[in-house]
Amino acid sequence: QVQLVESGGGLVQAGGSLRLSCAASGRSFSDSAMGWFRQATGKEREFVAGINWSGTNTIYADSVKDRFTISRDNAKNTVYLQMNSLKAEDTAVYYCSARPGYSATRYPSYDYWGQGTQVTVSS
């Protein structure tokens, strides 16, 4: 069982930066692939970034590549999403997810999800 709590969302101007954090509790964090997804109002949830258990392999959606960076600190049971050069279209609720025992994937086949944190980018 893994419990996930996101933080760090808020209101930012276009071109600005935010860093999201996802604190995990439970026994399986260190062997879990982690993912960030987002869902804008009226749209389906979409993949943003993923990272394997050791942090050595990352994947990104084309829309955020070169602007967002996913990382993790297994000693702190935390995964991060550094978001730079934010655009209005990045506005969404951002969700953290965990996939114990598997590699990261772009598909929403993660076993555990957080409640989400709102990111609003004003243009």
N, C-alpha and C. Protein backbone atom coordinates (compact mmCIF):
# COMPACT_ATOMS: atom_id res chain seq x y z
N GLN A 1 0.84 -1.19 0.00
CA GLN A 1 0.00 0.00 0.00
C GLN A 1 0.88 1.24 0.00
N VAL A 2 0.53 2.21 -0.84
CA VAL A 2 1.27 3.47 -0.91
C VAL A 2 0.26 4.62 -0.83
N GLN A 3 0.48 5.54 0.07
CA GLN A 3 -0.35 6.74 0.15
C GLN A 3 0.44 7.91 -0.41
N LEU A 4 -0.20 8.73 -1.21
CA LEU A 4 0.47 9.83 -1.91
C LEU A 4 -0.22 11.16 -1.61
N VAL A 5 0.59 12.17 -1.30
CA VAL A 5 0.06 13.51 -1.03
C VAL A 5 0.87 14.52 -1.83
N GLU A 6 0.20 15.21 -2.75
CA GLU A 6 0.86 16.21 -3.57
C GLU A 6 0.81 17.58 -2.89
N SER A 7 1.80 18.41 -3.21
CA SER A 7 1.82 19.79 -2.74
C SER A 7 2.62 20.63 -3.72
N GLY A 8 2.53 21.95 -3.55
CA GLY A 8 3.34 22.85 -4.37
C GLY A 8 2.59 23.53 -5.50
N GLY A 9 1.33 23.19 -5.69
CA GLY A 9 0.57 23.85 -6.74
C GLY A 9 0.25 25.28 -6.36
N GLY A 10 -0.29 26.02 -7.33
CA GLY A 10 -0.65 27.40 -7.07
C GLY A 10 -0.86 28.17 -8.35
N LEU A 11 -0.89 29.49 -8.22
CA LEU A 11 -1.09 30.39 -9.34
C LEU A 11 0.25 31.01 -9.72
N VAL A 12 0.57 30.97 -10.99
CA VAL A 12 1.84 31.52 -11.48
C VAL A 12 1.61 32.17 -12.83
N GLN A 13 2.39 33.17 -13.14
CA GLN A 13 2.29 33.81 -14.44
C GLN A 13 2.98 32.97 -15.51
N ALA A 14 2.53 33.13 -16.74
CA ALA A 14 3.17 32.44 -17.85
C ALA A 14 4.65 32.77 -17.89
N GLY A 15 5.46 31.75 -18.13
CA GLY A 15 6.90 31.93 -18.12
C GLY A 15 7.54 31.63 -16.78
N GLY A 16 6.73 31.49 -15.76
CA GLY A 16 7.23 31.24 -14.42
C GLY A 16 7.48 29.77 -14.15
N SER A 17 7.82 29.47 -12.89
CA SER A 17 8.17 28.11 -12.49
C SER A 17 7.44 27.71 -11.22
N LEU A 18 7.24 26.42 -11.09
CA LEU A 18 6.71 25.82 -9.87
C LEU A 18 7.39 24.47 -9.69
N ARG A 19 7.49 24.04 -8.43
CA ARG A 19 7.96 22.69 -8.16
C ARG A 19 6.91 21.96 -7.35
N LEU A 20 6.41 20.89 -7.91
CA LEU A 20 5.46 20.04 -7.21
C LEU A 20 6.21 18.95 -6.46
N SER A 21 5.68 18.59 -5.31
CA SER A 21 6.22 17.49 -4.52
C SER A 21 5.13 16.46 -4.29
N CYS A 22 5.54 15.23 -4.14
CA CYS A 22 4.61 14.15 -3.83
C CYS A 22 5.26 13.31 -2.73
N ALA A 23 4.69 13.41 -1.55
CA ALA A 23 5.20 12.65 -0.41
C ALA A 23 4.49 11.31 -0.33
N ALA A 24 5.27 10.26 -0.24
CA ALA A 24 4.71 8.92 -0.22
C ALA A 24 4.92 8.27 1.14
N SER A 25 3.96 7.52 1.56
CA SER A 25 4.10 6.71 2.77
C SER A 25 3.70 5.28 2.42
N GLY A 26 4.26 4.36 3.16
CA GLY A 26 3.99 2.96 2.84
C GLY A 26 5.28 2.24 2.53
N ARG A 27 5.20 0.94 2.34
CA ARG A 27 6.39 0.13 2.23
C ARG A 27 6.99 0.07 0.84
N SER A 28 6.27 0.45 -0.18
CA SER A 28 6.70 0.12 -1.54
C SER A 28 7.27 1.28 -2.34
N PHE A 29 7.50 2.42 -1.71
CA PHE A 29 7.92 3.57 -2.51
C PHE A 29 9.22 3.32 -3.24
N SER A 30 10.22 2.76 -2.57
CA SER A 30 11.55 2.65 -3.16
C SER A 30 11.59 1.67 -4.32
N ASP A 31 10.62 0.79 -4.47
CA ASP A 31 10.60 -0.10 -5.63
C ASP A 31 9.45 0.23 -6.58
N SER A 32 8.95 1.45 -6.48
CA SER A 32 7.84 1.87 -7.32
C SER A 32 8.28 2.84 -8.40
N ALA A 33 7.82 2.60 -9.61
CA ALA A 33 7.89 3.65 -10.61
C ALA A 33 6.86 4.71 -10.23
N MET A 34 7.18 5.96 -10.51
CA MET A 34 6.30 7.06 -10.15
C MET A 34 5.94 7.85 -11.40
N GLY A 35 4.75 8.38 -11.41
CA GLY A 35 4.32 9.15 -12.55
C GLY A 35 3.58 10.41 -12.14
N TRP A 36 3.61 11.39 -13.00
CA TRP A 36 2.80 12.60 -12.86
C TRP A 36 1.84 12.65 -14.05
N PHE A 37 0.60 12.88 -13.74
CA PHE A 37 -0.44 13.07 -14.76
C PHE A 37 -1.13 14.39 -14.47
N ARG A 38 -1.89 14.88 -15.43
CA ARG A 38 -2.65 16.10 -15.20
C ARG A 38 -4.00 16.01 -15.91
N GLN A 39 -4.94 16.77 -15.39
CA GLN A 39 -6.27 16.79 -15.98
C GLN A 39 -6.80 18.21 -15.96
N ALA A 40 -6.98 18.77 -17.14
CA ALA A 40 -7.57 20.09 -17.27
C ALA A 40 -9.09 19.96 -17.28
N THR A 41 -9.76 21.02 -16.95
CA THR A 41 -11.23 21.03 -16.89
C THR A 41 -11.80 20.63 -18.25
N GLY A 42 -12.66 19.63 -18.23
CA GLY A 42 -13.32 19.19 -19.45
C GLY A 42 -12.47 18.29 -20.34
N LYS A 43 -11.29 17.91 -19.87
CA LYS A 43 -10.41 17.06 -20.68
C LYS A 43 -10.07 15.79 -19.93
N GLU A 44 -9.55 14.82 -20.66
CA GLU A 44 -9.14 13.57 -20.05
C GLU A 44 -7.81 13.74 -19.34
N ARG A 45 -7.58 12.85 -18.38
CA ARG A 45 -6.30 12.87 -17.69
C ARG A 45 -5.21 12.46 -18.68
N GLU A 46 -4.07 13.17 -18.63
CA GLU A 46 -2.99 12.89 -19.56
C GLU A 46 -1.66 12.73 -18.83
N PHE A 47 -0.81 11.92 -19.42
CA PHE A 47 0.52 11.66 -18.88
C PHE A 47 1.39 12.89 -18.99
N VAL A 48 2.20 13.14 -17.96
CA VAL A 48 3.15 14.25 -17.98
C VAL A 48 4.59 13.73 -17.93
N ALA A 49 4.91 12.93 -16.91
CA ALA A 49 6.28 12.44 -16.75
C ALA A 49 6.28 11.20 -15.88
N GLY A 50 7.32 10.38 -16.06
CA GLY A 50 7.46 9.18 -15.25
C GLY A 50 8.92 8.94 -14.92
N ILE A 51 9.15 8.20 -13.84
CA ILE A 51 10.52 7.91 -13.41
C ILE A 51 10.56 6.51 -12.82
N ASN A 52 11.65 5.79 -13.08
CA ASN A 52 11.75 4.43 -12.55
C ASN A 52 12.16 4.47 -11.08
N TRP A 53 12.25 3.28 -10.46
CA TRP A 53 12.44 3.22 -9.02
C TRP A 53 13.74 3.85 -8.56
N SER A 54 14.78 3.76 -9.40
CA SER A 54 16.09 4.28 -8.99
C SER A 54 16.34 5.71 -9.44
N GLY A 55 15.48 6.24 -10.28
CA GLY A 55 15.68 7.59 -10.78
C GLY A 55 16.59 7.67 -11.99
N THR A 56 17.01 6.54 -12.52
CA THR A 56 17.96 6.53 -13.64
C THR A 56 17.28 6.61 -15.01
N ASN A 57 15.99 6.42 -15.04
CA ASN A 57 15.28 6.45 -16.32
C ASN A 57 14.03 7.32 -16.18
N THR A 58 13.88 8.28 -17.08
CA THR A 58 12.72 9.17 -17.05
C THR A 58 12.07 9.22 -18.43
N ILE A 59 10.79 9.47 -18.46
CA ILE A 59 10.05 9.66 -19.71
C ILE A 59 9.15 10.87 -19.56
N TYR A 60 8.89 11.55 -20.67
CA TYR A 60 8.11 12.78 -20.67
C TYR A 60 7.13 12.81 -21.83
N ALA A 61 6.03 13.52 -21.62
CA ALA A 61 5.16 13.86 -22.73
C ALA A 61 5.86 14.88 -23.61
N ASP A 62 5.60 14.83 -24.89
CA ASP A 62 6.25 15.76 -25.81
C ASP A 62 5.93 17.22 -25.44
N SER A 63 4.75 17.45 -24.91
CA SER A 63 4.32 18.81 -24.60
C SER A 63 5.10 19.46 -23.47
N VAL A 64 5.79 18.65 -22.65
CA VAL A 64 6.51 19.21 -21.50
C VAL A 64 8.01 18.96 -21.57
N LYS A 65 8.43 18.16 -22.54
CA LYS A 65 9.85 17.84 -22.65
C LYS A 65 10.67 19.12 -22.78
N ASP A 66 11.77 19.18 -22.10
CA ASP A 66 12.69 20.33 -22.07
C ASP A 66 12.19 21.48 -21.20
N ARG A 67 10.99 21.33 -20.61
CA ARG A 67 10.50 22.35 -19.68
C ARG A 67 10.30 21.79 -18.28
N PHE A 68 9.90 20.53 -18.21
CA PHE A 68 9.62 19.88 -16.92
C PHE A 68 10.71 18.85 -16.63
N THR A 69 10.99 18.64 -15.35
CA THR A 69 11.94 17.63 -14.92
C THR A 69 11.37 16.86 -13.74
N ILE A 70 11.33 15.54 -13.86
CA ILE A 70 10.89 14.68 -12.77
C ILE A 70 12.12 14.13 -12.07
N SER A 71 12.05 14.05 -10.76
CA SER A 71 13.15 13.49 -9.98
C SER A 71 12.58 12.86 -8.72
N ARG A 72 13.41 12.13 -8.00
CA ARG A 72 12.94 11.50 -6.77
C ARG A 72 14.07 11.42 -5.76
N ASP A 73 13.67 11.38 -4.50
CA ASP A 73 14.60 11.20 -3.40
C ASP A 73 14.06 10.06 -2.56
N ASN A 74 14.61 8.88 -2.75
CA ASN A 74 14.07 7.70 -2.05
C ASN A 74 14.31 7.78 -0.55
N ALA A 75 15.33 8.51 -0.13
CA ALA A 75 15.57 8.67 1.31
C ALA A 75 14.46 9.49 1.97
N LYS A 76 13.83 10.36 1.18
CA LYS A 76 12.75 11.21 1.70
C LYS A 76 11.38 10.73 1.25
N ASN A 77 11.34 9.63 0.51
CA ASN A 77 10.07 9.10 -0.01
C ASN A 77 9.28 10.17 -0.77
N THR A 78 9.99 10.90 -1.61
CA THR A 78 9.36 12.03 -2.29
C THR A 78 9.76 12.04 -3.77
N VAL A 79 8.79 12.37 -4.60
CA VAL A 79 9.05 12.59 -6.01
C VAL A 79 8.69 14.03 -6.33
N TYR A 80 9.42 14.61 -7.25
CA TYR A 80 9.27 16.04 -7.58
C TYR A 80 8.96 16.22 -9.06
N LEU A 81 8.32 17.33 -9.36
CA LEU A 81 8.14 17.74 -10.75
C LEU A 81 8.50 19.22 -10.82
N GLN A 82 9.66 19.52 -11.36
CA GLN A 82 10.07 20.91 -11.57
C GLN A 82 9.51 21.38 -12.90
N MET A 83 8.73 22.44 -12.86
CA MET A 83 8.06 22.94 -14.06
C MET A 83 8.55 24.35 -14.36
N ASN A 84 9.20 24.51 -15.50
CA ASN A 84 9.73 25.80 -15.92
C ASN A 84 9.02 26.26 -17.19
N SER A 85 9.16 27.54 -17.49
CA SER A 85 8.57 28.11 -18.71
C SER A 85 7.10 27.71 -18.85
N LEU A 86 6.37 27.90 -17.78
CA LEU A 86 4.97 27.46 -17.76
C LEU A 86 4.13 28.24 -18.75
N LYS A 87 3.15 27.53 -19.31
CA LYS A 87 2.25 28.10 -20.29
C LYS A 87 0.81 27.99 -19.77
N ALA A 88 -0.07 28.79 -20.35
CA ALA A 88 -1.47 28.74 -19.92
C ALA A 88 -2.05 27.33 -20.10
N GLU A 89 -1.60 26.63 -21.12
CA GLU A 89 -2.12 25.28 -21.39
C GLU A 89 -1.61 24.24 -20.40
N ASP A 90 -0.71 24.61 -19.52
CA ASP A 90 -0.29 23.71 -18.44
C ASP A 90 -1.25 23.74 -17.26
N THR A 91 -2.23 24.63 -17.30
CA THR A 91 -3.21 24.72 -16.22
C THR A 91 -3.99 23.42 -16.10
N ALA A 92 -3.98 22.85 -14.91
CA ALA A 92 -4.64 21.55 -14.69
C ALA A 92 -4.48 21.16 -13.23
N VAL A 93 -5.20 20.12 -12.85
CA VAL A 93 -4.92 19.44 -11.59
C VAL A 93 -3.86 18.39 -11.88
N TYR A 94 -2.79 18.40 -11.09
CA TYR A 94 -1.68 17.48 -11.29
C TYR A 94 -1.75 16.37 -10.24
N TYR A 95 -1.63 15.14 -10.72
CA TYR A 95 -1.74 13.97 -9.87
C TYR A 95 -0.43 13.17 -9.87
N CYS A 96 -0.07 12.71 -8.71
CA CYS A 96 1.07 11.82 -8.52
C CYS A 96 0.54 10.39 -8.50
N SER A 97 1.34 9.46 -9.01
CA SER A 97 0.89 8.08 -9.05
C SER A 97 2.07 7.14 -8.82
N ALA A 98 1.76 5.94 -8.35
CA ALA A 98 2.80 4.96 -8.03
C ALA A 98 2.46 3.61 -8.64
N ARG A 99 3.53 2.90 -9.03
CA ARG A 99 3.37 1.61 -9.69
C ARG A 99 4.43 0.65 -9.12
N PRO A 100 4.12 0.05 -7.96
CA PRO A 100 5.11 -0.83 -7.34
C PRO A 100 5.49 -2.02 -8.21
N GLY A 101 6.78 -2.23 -8.34
CA GLY A 101 7.26 -3.43 -9.01
C GLY A 101 7.31 -3.36 -10.52
N TYR A 102 6.97 -2.22 -11.08
CA TYR A 102 6.95 -2.11 -12.54
C TYR A 102 7.74 -0.88 -12.97
N SER A 103 7.99 -0.80 -14.27
CA SER A 103 8.65 0.38 -14.81
C SER A 103 7.63 1.48 -15.07
N ALA A 104 8.12 2.67 -15.28
CA ALA A 104 7.23 3.79 -15.57
C ALA A 104 6.59 3.60 -16.94
N THR A 105 5.40 4.12 -17.08
CA THR A 105 4.67 4.01 -18.33
C THR A 105 3.89 5.28 -18.60
N ARG A 106 3.58 5.53 -19.87
CA ARG A 106 2.78 6.69 -20.24
C ARG A 106 1.29 6.43 -20.05
N TYR A 107 0.94 5.20 -19.81
CA TYR A 107 -0.46 4.85 -19.66
C TYR A 107 -0.86 4.96 -18.19
N PRO A 108 -2.12 5.26 -17.91
CA PRO A 108 -2.55 5.46 -16.52
C PRO A 108 -2.74 4.15 -15.75
N SER A 109 -1.89 3.18 -16.00
CA SER A 109 -1.99 1.88 -15.32
C SER A 109 -1.14 1.88 -14.06
N TYR A 110 -1.36 2.88 -13.24
CA TYR A 110 -0.68 2.98 -11.95
C TYR A 110 -1.64 2.52 -10.86
N ASP A 111 -1.11 1.97 -9.81
CA ASP A 111 -1.96 1.36 -8.79
C ASP A 111 -2.46 2.36 -7.74
N TYR A 112 -1.69 3.40 -7.49
CA TYR A 112 -2.03 4.34 -6.43
C TYR A 112 -1.97 5.76 -6.97
N TRP A 113 -2.91 6.58 -6.47
CA TRP A 113 -3.02 7.96 -6.93
C TRP A 113 -3.21 8.90 -5.74
N GLY A 114 -2.64 10.11 -5.89
CA GLY A 114 -2.89 11.13 -4.90
C GLY A 114 -4.18 11.88 -5.21
N GLN A 115 -4.48 12.88 -4.37
CA GLN A 115 -5.72 13.66 -4.53
C GLN A 115 -5.57 14.78 -5.54
N GLY A 116 -4.34 15.13 -5.87
CA GLY A 116 -4.11 16.16 -6.87
C GLY A 116 -3.83 17.53 -6.27
N THR A 117 -3.12 18.35 -7.04
CA THR A 117 -2.85 19.73 -6.65
C THR A 117 -3.08 20.62 -7.87
N GLN A 118 -3.75 21.74 -7.65
CA GLN A 118 -4.12 22.62 -8.76
C GLN A 118 -2.95 23.51 -9.17
N VAL A 119 -2.70 23.55 -10.46
CA VAL A 119 -1.73 24.49 -11.03
C VAL A 119 -2.48 25.38 -12.01
N THR A 120 -2.39 26.68 -11.80
CA THR A 120 -3.05 27.63 -12.67
C THR A 120 -2.01 28.60 -13.21
N VAL A 121 -1.92 28.69 -14.53
CA VAL A 121 -0.96 29.58 -15.18
C VAL A 121 -1.73 30.69 -15.87
N SER A 122 -1.47 31.91 -15.45
CA SER A 122 -2.17 33.06 -16.04
C SER A 122 -1.36 33.61 -17.19
N SER A 123 -2.05 33.99 -18.26
CA SER A 123 -1.36 34.49 -19.46
C SER A 123 -1.36 36.01 -19.49
